[in-house]
Each structure stands twice: as structure tokens, then as C-alpha cells.
Amino acid sequence: MKMASVSSEVVNSEVPWNCDLKPILLVFSRSSVYPRITNNPVALIMNQQQSFERFSDFYPYYLEEHSNPVCRRLHYVGSLLVIAVALYVLLTGHLGYLWFIPVVGYGFAWAGHVLFEKNRPATFRHPLYSLMGDWVMLKDMLTGRIRF
């Protein structure tokens, strides 16, 4: 399984990247029946954690849950469509199109999780942090911190 290409600046530098764990860990997400094979020791730590006190603690977990490049691309498409619909509504005043925002935003993202990532979206466990993560991941992609 190919892991996400994320620069080390993206994740908290206090995370113990050089742990003495086996090179490949079998990680089961608390909310998923899908086993995940990873060589990232942070995945084991983050998948066992129930709650996050800060967004900076949550974001490495969020990135691990979005390691599949197709899933990330679907998130980007959904986020950009949310912006497009919001701009359209603001410019035209057609408020009836506001219902498209959650449909395109969540629709593309959830399709990526179900079809490619094979996990349950973090939205169900951490709705606010997950929403923040979508926009930070989009920003990181646009600025080159995460490969498209």
C-alpha cells in the first residue's frame, strides 16, 4: 500500500517518527472494519487515541486517514466545488442552491473514503476538526506541502 507523501513540516515535530516499532504495523481504525497496513508508527498511536485536545494533535491522524491520493483528490474537488457554489450563491442571490454545498462537499469526500481509502470518514467522530482538516489539507495541497 502506497502511503501519502506528506512533508515532515506538516506534522507536529514532537511526534516520535523514529520509534522502535516493527516496520509494518497492522492498524485497525476504531470506526472501521477495514484493516490497514502501514509503516507509519504514528498511525498506531493516532488510531488508538479517542479524543484530541488540539487541532495540531488531530491533523497527523487526519492525514493518515487520507493517505490514498485518489481520496485526497476527491476531497479537493469537493472543497473547490463548495467554494464555487458559495460564490455562485453570493453573486446571483439564488439561495436555493445552498443545499448543494453539503452534497458536493461531503459527497466527493465520502466517495473517496468508501471507494478508495476503505475507511470511515473522520467527520463522524470529529466533525469540527474534520471540517478544519479539509480546508487545511486543501491549503497544504495548493502550497505544495502535500502532493496532488
N, C-alpha and C. Protein backbone atom coordinates (compact mmCIF):
# COMPACT_ATOMS: atom_id res chain seq x y z
N MET A 1 0.85 -1.17 0.00
CA MET A 1 0.00 0.00 0.00
C MET A 1 0.89 1.23 0.00
N LYS A 2 0.67 2.13 -0.90
CA LYS A 2 1.48 3.33 -1.01
C LYS A 2 0.97 4.36 0.00
N MET A 3 1.87 4.96 0.74
CA MET A 3 1.49 5.92 1.77
C MET A 3 1.49 7.32 1.19
N ALA A 4 0.82 8.23 1.88
CA ALA A 4 0.73 9.62 1.43
C ALA A 4 2.10 10.26 1.47
N SER A 5 2.32 11.13 0.53
CA SER A 5 3.57 11.89 0.51
C SER A 5 3.33 13.20 1.24
N VAL A 6 3.70 13.24 2.49
CA VAL A 6 3.47 14.41 3.31
C VAL A 6 4.82 14.86 3.85
N SER A 7 5.14 16.13 3.68
CA SER A 7 6.42 16.62 4.18
C SER A 7 6.42 16.62 5.70
N SER A 8 7.59 16.52 6.28
CA SER A 8 7.69 16.42 7.73
C SER A 8 7.25 17.70 8.42
N GLU A 9 7.24 18.84 7.71
CA GLU A 9 6.81 20.08 8.35
C GLU A 9 5.31 20.07 8.63
N VAL A 10 4.56 19.23 7.90
CA VAL A 10 3.11 19.21 8.04
C VAL A 10 2.69 18.68 9.39
N VAL A 11 3.40 17.69 9.88
CA VAL A 11 3.02 17.08 11.15
C VAL A 11 3.85 17.65 12.29
N ASN A 12 3.34 17.52 13.47
CA ASN A 12 3.98 18.04 14.66
C ASN A 12 5.37 17.41 14.82
N SER A 13 6.37 18.22 15.03
CA SER A 13 7.74 17.72 15.13
C SER A 13 7.97 16.92 16.40
N GLU A 14 7.06 16.97 17.37
CA GLU A 14 7.22 16.23 18.60
C GLU A 14 6.81 14.76 18.45
N VAL A 15 6.24 14.40 17.31
CA VAL A 15 5.79 13.03 17.10
C VAL A 15 7.02 12.13 16.94
N PRO A 16 7.06 10.99 17.64
CA PRO A 16 8.24 10.11 17.61
C PRO A 16 8.32 9.30 16.33
N TRP A 17 8.85 9.90 15.26
CA TRP A 17 8.94 9.20 13.97
C TRP A 17 9.89 8.02 14.02
N ASN A 18 10.92 8.08 14.81
CA ASN A 18 11.92 7.00 14.84
C ASN A 18 11.67 6.06 16.01
N CYS A 19 10.46 5.57 16.12
CA CYS A 19 10.12 4.64 17.19
C CYS A 19 10.70 3.26 16.89
N ASP A 20 10.91 2.48 17.93
CA ASP A 20 11.38 1.11 17.76
C ASP A 20 10.19 0.18 17.62
N LEU A 21 9.39 0.37 16.58
CA LEU A 21 8.26 -0.50 16.31
C LEU A 21 8.59 -1.31 15.06
N LYS A 22 7.89 -2.41 14.87
CA LYS A 22 8.10 -3.21 13.67
C LYS A 22 7.88 -2.34 12.44
N PRO A 23 8.59 -2.61 11.36
CA PRO A 23 8.47 -1.77 10.16
C PRO A 23 7.06 -1.72 9.59
N ILE A 24 6.32 -2.79 9.74
CA ILE A 24 4.95 -2.79 9.23
C ILE A 24 4.02 -3.12 10.38
N LEU A 25 3.05 -2.25 10.59
CA LEU A 25 2.09 -2.44 11.68
C LEU A 25 0.71 -2.66 11.08
N LEU A 26 -0.04 -3.57 11.67
CA LEU A 26 -1.42 -3.76 11.26
C LEU A 26 -2.26 -2.85 12.14
N VAL A 27 -2.94 -1.91 11.51
CA VAL A 27 -3.69 -0.90 12.26
C VAL A 27 -5.17 -1.05 11.94
N PHE A 28 -5.95 -1.15 12.96
CA PHE A 28 -7.39 -1.18 12.79
C PHE A 28 -7.97 0.13 13.31
N SER A 29 -8.66 0.83 12.44
CA SER A 29 -9.31 2.07 12.85
C SER A 29 -10.46 1.71 13.77
N ARG A 30 -10.68 2.47 14.82
CA ARG A 30 -11.74 2.20 15.77
C ARG A 30 -13.11 2.14 15.11
N SER A 31 -13.29 2.91 14.07
CA SER A 31 -14.61 3.00 13.46
C SER A 31 -14.71 2.23 12.16
N SER A 32 -13.75 1.42 11.84
CA SER A 32 -13.74 0.77 10.54
C SER A 32 -13.49 -0.71 10.69
N VAL A 33 -14.07 -1.48 9.80
CA VAL A 33 -13.82 -2.91 9.79
C VAL A 33 -12.68 -3.25 8.84
N TYR A 34 -12.13 -2.25 8.17
CA TYR A 34 -11.08 -2.48 7.20
C TYR A 34 -9.71 -2.45 7.88
N PRO A 35 -8.92 -3.52 7.74
CA PRO A 35 -7.56 -3.47 8.27
C PRO A 35 -6.70 -2.57 7.38
N ARG A 36 -5.75 -1.89 7.98
CA ARG A 36 -4.86 -1.00 7.23
C ARG A 36 -3.43 -1.41 7.52
N ILE A 37 -2.64 -1.60 6.49
CA ILE A 37 -1.23 -1.89 6.64
C ILE A 37 -0.48 -0.58 6.47
N THR A 38 0.40 -0.28 7.40
CA THR A 38 1.15 0.96 7.31
C THR A 38 2.54 0.78 7.90
N ASN A 39 3.48 1.57 7.44
CA ASN A 39 4.80 1.57 8.04
C ASN A 39 5.00 2.83 8.88
N ASN A 40 3.92 3.54 9.15
CA ASN A 40 3.96 4.79 9.90
C ASN A 40 3.59 4.52 11.35
N PRO A 41 4.54 4.58 12.29
CA PRO A 41 4.23 4.32 13.69
C PRO A 41 3.24 5.30 14.28
N VAL A 42 3.13 6.49 13.69
CA VAL A 42 2.17 7.49 14.18
C VAL A 42 0.75 6.97 13.99
N ALA A 43 0.52 6.18 12.95
CA ALA A 43 -0.82 5.65 12.69
C ALA A 43 -1.32 4.82 13.85
N LEU A 44 -0.45 4.00 14.42
CA LEU A 44 -0.85 3.18 15.55
C LEU A 44 -1.24 4.05 16.73
N ILE A 45 -0.44 5.06 17.01
CA ILE A 45 -0.70 5.95 18.13
C ILE A 45 -2.01 6.71 17.91
N MET A 46 -2.18 7.28 16.72
CA MET A 46 -3.33 8.12 16.45
C MET A 46 -4.63 7.31 16.37
N ASN A 47 -4.58 6.10 15.82
CA ASN A 47 -5.79 5.30 15.71
C ASN A 47 -6.27 4.79 17.06
N GLN A 48 -5.39 4.77 18.07
CA GLN A 48 -5.79 4.34 19.39
C GLN A 48 -6.34 5.50 20.22
N GLN A 49 -6.10 6.71 19.78
CA GLN A 49 -6.48 7.89 20.54
C GLN A 49 -7.96 8.19 20.34
N GLN A 50 -8.70 8.38 21.42
CA GLN A 50 -10.14 8.64 21.36
C GLN A 50 -10.45 10.08 21.04
N SER A 51 -9.80 11.01 21.70
CA SER A 51 -10.13 12.41 21.51
C SER A 51 -8.85 13.22 21.34
N PHE A 52 -9.02 14.40 20.78
CA PHE A 52 -7.89 15.27 20.52
C PHE A 52 -8.17 16.61 21.19
N GLU A 53 -7.19 17.09 21.94
CA GLU A 53 -7.38 18.36 22.63
C GLU A 53 -7.13 19.56 21.73
N ARG A 54 -6.25 19.39 20.73
CA ARG A 54 -5.91 20.48 19.82
C ARG A 54 -5.96 19.97 18.39
N PHE A 55 -6.22 20.91 17.47
CA PHE A 55 -6.22 20.55 16.06
C PHE A 55 -4.84 20.06 15.62
N SER A 56 -3.79 20.63 16.17
CA SER A 56 -2.44 20.20 15.80
C SER A 56 -2.18 18.74 16.19
N ASP A 57 -2.89 18.22 17.18
CA ASP A 57 -2.80 16.80 17.53
C ASP A 57 -3.62 15.95 16.56
N PHE A 58 -4.71 16.51 16.08
CA PHE A 58 -5.62 15.78 15.19
C PHE A 58 -5.10 15.68 13.76
N TYR A 59 -4.42 16.71 13.28
CA TYR A 59 -4.07 16.78 11.86
C TYR A 59 -3.20 15.62 11.36
N PRO A 60 -2.20 15.14 12.10
CA PRO A 60 -1.47 13.95 11.61
C PRO A 60 -2.38 12.73 11.45
N TYR A 61 -3.32 12.56 12.37
CA TYR A 61 -4.31 11.48 12.26
C TYR A 61 -5.15 11.69 11.00
N TYR A 62 -5.59 12.91 10.77
CA TYR A 62 -6.39 13.25 9.60
C TYR A 62 -5.65 12.90 8.31
N LEU A 63 -4.37 13.25 8.24
CA LEU A 63 -3.57 12.95 7.05
C LEU A 63 -3.43 11.44 6.85
N GLU A 64 -3.27 10.69 7.92
CA GLU A 64 -3.17 9.24 7.82
C GLU A 64 -4.48 8.64 7.28
N GLU A 65 -5.60 9.21 7.67
CA GLU A 65 -6.89 8.75 7.18
C GLU A 65 -7.13 9.15 5.72
N HIS A 66 -6.24 9.97 5.16
CA HIS A 66 -6.33 10.42 3.77
C HIS A 66 -5.04 10.08 3.02
N SER A 67 -4.53 8.89 3.22
CA SER A 67 -3.26 8.51 2.60
C SER A 67 -3.42 8.14 1.13
N ASN A 68 -4.61 7.77 0.70
CA ASN A 68 -4.83 7.41 -0.69
C ASN A 68 -4.93 8.67 -1.54
N PRO A 69 -4.11 8.80 -2.59
CA PRO A 69 -4.11 10.04 -3.39
C PRO A 69 -5.45 10.31 -4.09
N VAL A 70 -6.16 9.27 -4.50
CA VAL A 70 -7.46 9.48 -5.15
C VAL A 70 -8.46 10.04 -4.15
N CYS A 71 -8.43 9.54 -2.94
CA CYS A 71 -9.31 10.06 -1.89
C CYS A 71 -9.02 11.54 -1.64
N ARG A 72 -7.74 11.89 -1.54
CA ARG A 72 -7.38 13.30 -1.34
C ARG A 72 -7.86 14.16 -2.51
N ARG A 73 -7.69 13.67 -3.72
CA ARG A 73 -8.12 14.44 -4.90
C ARG A 73 -9.62 14.64 -4.89
N LEU A 74 -10.37 13.64 -4.48
CA LEU A 74 -11.82 13.80 -4.39
C LEU A 74 -12.19 14.84 -3.32
N HIS A 75 -11.43 14.88 -2.23
CA HIS A 75 -11.65 15.92 -1.23
C HIS A 75 -11.40 17.30 -1.83
N TYR A 76 -10.32 17.43 -2.60
CA TYR A 76 -10.00 18.72 -3.23
C TYR A 76 -11.12 19.15 -4.17
N VAL A 77 -11.61 18.22 -4.99
CA VAL A 77 -12.70 18.54 -5.92
C VAL A 77 -13.93 19.01 -5.15
N GLY A 78 -14.29 18.27 -4.11
CA GLY A 78 -15.44 18.65 -3.30
C GLY A 78 -15.28 20.02 -2.66
N SER A 79 -14.11 20.29 -2.11
CA SER A 79 -13.86 21.58 -1.47
C SER A 79 -13.92 22.72 -2.48
N LEU A 80 -13.34 22.51 -3.66
CA LEU A 80 -13.37 23.56 -4.68
C LEU A 80 -14.79 23.79 -5.20
N LEU A 81 -15.58 22.72 -5.30
CA LEU A 81 -16.97 22.89 -5.70
C LEU A 81 -17.78 23.62 -4.63
N VAL A 82 -17.47 23.39 -3.37
CA VAL A 82 -18.13 24.13 -2.29
C VAL A 82 -17.87 25.63 -2.46
N ILE A 83 -16.63 25.98 -2.75
CA ILE A 83 -16.28 27.39 -2.97
C ILE A 83 -17.04 27.93 -4.18
N ALA A 84 -17.08 27.15 -5.26
CA ALA A 84 -17.77 27.60 -6.48
C ALA A 84 -19.26 27.82 -6.23
N VAL A 85 -19.90 26.90 -5.54
CA VAL A 85 -21.34 27.05 -5.25
C VAL A 85 -21.57 28.26 -4.35
N ALA A 86 -20.74 28.42 -3.32
CA ALA A 86 -20.89 29.56 -2.41
C ALA A 86 -20.74 30.88 -3.17
N LEU A 87 -19.76 30.95 -4.05
CA LEU A 87 -19.57 32.17 -4.87
C LEU A 87 -20.76 32.40 -5.78
N TYR A 88 -21.27 31.34 -6.39
CA TYR A 88 -22.43 31.47 -7.26
C TYR A 88 -23.63 32.03 -6.49
N VAL A 89 -23.88 31.48 -5.31
CA VAL A 89 -25.00 31.95 -4.49
C VAL A 89 -24.80 33.41 -4.09
N LEU A 90 -23.58 33.78 -3.70
CA LEU A 90 -23.31 35.17 -3.32
C LEU A 90 -23.49 36.13 -4.49
N LEU A 91 -23.07 35.72 -5.67
CA LEU A 91 -23.13 36.61 -6.84
C LEU A 91 -24.53 36.70 -7.44
N THR A 92 -25.30 35.63 -7.36
CA THR A 92 -26.61 35.62 -8.00
C THR A 92 -27.77 35.80 -7.03
N GLY A 93 -27.54 35.49 -5.78
CA GLY A 93 -28.62 35.58 -4.79
C GLY A 93 -29.58 34.41 -4.82
N HIS A 94 -29.27 33.36 -5.57
CA HIS A 94 -30.11 32.16 -5.64
C HIS A 94 -29.84 31.28 -4.42
N LEU A 95 -30.52 31.57 -3.33
CA LEU A 95 -30.28 30.84 -2.08
C LEU A 95 -30.67 29.37 -2.16
N GLY A 96 -31.51 29.02 -3.13
CA GLY A 96 -31.93 27.63 -3.28
C GLY A 96 -30.78 26.68 -3.59
N TYR A 97 -29.67 27.22 -4.06
CA TYR A 97 -28.53 26.37 -4.39
C TYR A 97 -27.63 26.08 -3.18
N LEU A 98 -27.94 26.67 -2.06
CA LEU A 98 -27.13 26.42 -0.86
C LEU A 98 -27.13 24.94 -0.45
N TRP A 99 -28.21 24.24 -0.77
CA TRP A 99 -28.27 22.82 -0.38
C TRP A 99 -27.24 21.99 -1.13
N PHE A 100 -26.68 22.51 -2.23
CA PHE A 100 -25.62 21.80 -2.96
C PHE A 100 -24.31 21.75 -2.17
N ILE A 101 -24.12 22.70 -1.28
CA ILE A 101 -22.84 22.79 -0.57
C ILE A 101 -22.52 21.50 0.20
N PRO A 102 -23.40 21.03 1.10
CA PRO A 102 -23.04 19.77 1.78
C PRO A 102 -23.06 18.56 0.86
N VAL A 103 -23.89 18.59 -0.18
CA VAL A 103 -23.95 17.46 -1.11
C VAL A 103 -22.62 17.29 -1.84
N VAL A 104 -22.10 18.37 -2.42
CA VAL A 104 -20.84 18.24 -3.17
C VAL A 104 -19.66 18.10 -2.22
N GLY A 105 -19.68 18.83 -1.11
CA GLY A 105 -18.57 18.75 -0.16
C GLY A 105 -18.42 17.37 0.45
N TYR A 106 -19.49 16.86 1.02
CA TYR A 106 -19.42 15.54 1.65
C TYR A 106 -19.51 14.42 0.63
N GLY A 107 -20.24 14.62 -0.45
CA GLY A 107 -20.41 13.57 -1.45
C GLY A 107 -19.09 13.09 -2.03
N PHE A 108 -18.28 14.02 -2.50
CA PHE A 108 -16.98 13.64 -3.07
C PHE A 108 -16.06 13.05 -2.01
N ALA A 109 -16.05 13.67 -0.83
CA ALA A 109 -15.17 13.19 0.25
C ALA A 109 -15.55 11.78 0.69
N TRP A 110 -16.82 11.56 0.92
CA TRP A 110 -17.25 10.25 1.40
C TRP A 110 -17.07 9.18 0.33
N ALA A 111 -17.25 9.54 -0.94
CA ALA A 111 -16.99 8.58 -2.01
C ALA A 111 -15.52 8.16 -1.98
N GLY A 112 -14.63 9.10 -1.73
CA GLY A 112 -13.21 8.78 -1.63
C GLY A 112 -12.91 7.82 -0.50
N HIS A 113 -13.58 8.01 0.63
CA HIS A 113 -13.34 7.12 1.77
C HIS A 113 -13.89 5.72 1.51
N VAL A 114 -15.09 5.64 0.98
CA VAL A 114 -15.72 4.34 0.77
C VAL A 114 -15.04 3.56 -0.35
N LEU A 115 -14.78 4.23 -1.48
CA LEU A 115 -14.29 3.53 -2.66
C LEU A 115 -12.78 3.33 -2.71
N PHE A 116 -12.02 4.26 -2.13
CA PHE A 116 -10.56 4.20 -2.29
C PHE A 116 -9.81 4.04 -0.96
N GLU A 117 -10.19 4.81 0.04
CA GLU A 117 -9.47 4.76 1.31
C GLU A 117 -9.91 3.56 2.14
N LYS A 118 -11.14 3.11 1.95
CA LYS A 118 -11.71 1.97 2.67
C LYS A 118 -11.74 2.19 4.18
N ASN A 119 -12.14 3.40 4.56
CA ASN A 119 -12.30 3.69 5.98
C ASN A 119 -13.52 4.58 6.18
N ARG A 120 -13.85 4.80 7.41
CA ARG A 120 -15.00 5.65 7.75
C ARG A 120 -14.50 7.08 7.89
N PRO A 121 -15.19 8.05 7.28
CA PRO A 121 -14.74 9.44 7.37
C PRO A 121 -14.64 9.92 8.82
N ALA A 122 -13.62 10.73 9.09
CA ALA A 122 -13.41 11.27 10.43
C ALA A 122 -14.54 12.23 10.83
N THR A 123 -15.35 12.64 9.87
CA THR A 123 -16.48 13.54 10.13
C THR A 123 -17.39 12.99 11.22
N PHE A 124 -17.56 11.68 11.27
CA PHE A 124 -18.48 11.08 12.22
C PHE A 124 -17.95 11.10 13.65
N ARG A 125 -16.64 11.11 13.81
CA ARG A 125 -16.04 11.11 15.15
C ARG A 125 -15.59 12.48 15.59
N HIS A 126 -15.11 13.28 14.65
CA HIS A 126 -14.55 14.59 14.96
C HIS A 126 -15.04 15.61 13.92
N PRO A 127 -16.31 16.01 13.99
CA PRO A 127 -16.87 16.83 12.91
C PRO A 127 -16.18 18.19 12.70
N LEU A 128 -15.91 18.92 13.76
CA LEU A 128 -15.29 20.23 13.60
C LEU A 128 -13.85 20.12 13.13
N TYR A 129 -13.07 19.27 13.77
CA TYR A 129 -11.68 19.09 13.36
C TYR A 129 -11.59 18.54 11.94
N SER A 130 -12.52 17.66 11.59
CA SER A 130 -12.52 17.11 10.24
C SER A 130 -12.79 18.19 9.20
N LEU A 131 -13.74 19.06 9.48
CA LEU A 131 -14.03 20.17 8.57
C LEU A 131 -12.81 21.09 8.44
N MET A 132 -12.19 21.38 9.57
CA MET A 132 -10.97 22.19 9.54
C MET A 132 -9.87 21.48 8.74
N GLY A 133 -9.77 20.16 8.93
CA GLY A 133 -8.75 19.38 8.23
C GLY A 133 -8.93 19.42 6.72
N ASP A 134 -10.18 19.42 6.26
CA ASP A 134 -10.44 19.51 4.81
C ASP A 134 -9.81 20.77 4.22
N TRP A 135 -10.01 21.89 4.91
CA TRP A 135 -9.52 23.17 4.38
C TRP A 135 -8.02 23.31 4.55
N VAL A 136 -7.47 22.79 5.64
CA VAL A 136 -6.01 22.85 5.83
C VAL A 136 -5.33 21.94 4.81
N MET A 137 -5.91 20.76 4.55
CA MET A 137 -5.32 19.86 3.55
C MET A 137 -5.39 20.49 2.16
N LEU A 138 -6.48 21.18 1.84
CA LEU A 138 -6.57 21.88 0.56
C LEU A 138 -5.50 22.96 0.46
N LYS A 139 -5.33 23.72 1.54
CA LYS A 139 -4.29 24.76 1.57
C LYS A 139 -2.90 24.13 1.41
N ASP A 140 -2.66 23.01 2.10
CA ASP A 140 -1.37 22.34 2.00
C ASP A 140 -1.12 21.81 0.59
N MET A 141 -2.17 21.38 -0.09
CA MET A 141 -2.02 20.94 -1.47
C MET A 141 -1.72 22.14 -2.37
N LEU A 142 -2.43 23.23 -2.19
CA LEU A 142 -2.23 24.42 -3.04
C LEU A 142 -0.85 25.05 -2.82
N THR A 143 -0.31 24.92 -1.62
CA THR A 143 1.01 25.49 -1.32
C THR A 143 2.16 24.51 -1.55
N GLY A 144 1.84 23.28 -1.95
CA GLY A 144 2.87 22.30 -2.27
C GLY A 144 3.37 21.48 -1.10
N ARG A 145 2.77 21.60 0.06
CA ARG A 145 3.20 20.79 1.22
C ARG A 145 2.75 19.34 1.10
N ILE A 146 1.65 19.11 0.34
CA ILE A 146 1.16 17.76 0.08
C ILE A 146 1.06 17.62 -1.43
N ARG A 147 1.57 16.50 -1.94
CA ARG A 147 1.48 16.27 -3.39
C ARG A 147 0.03 16.07 -3.81
N PHE A 148 -0.31 16.64 -4.97
CA PHE A 148 -1.64 16.47 -5.52
C PHE A 148 -1.73 15.08 -6.11
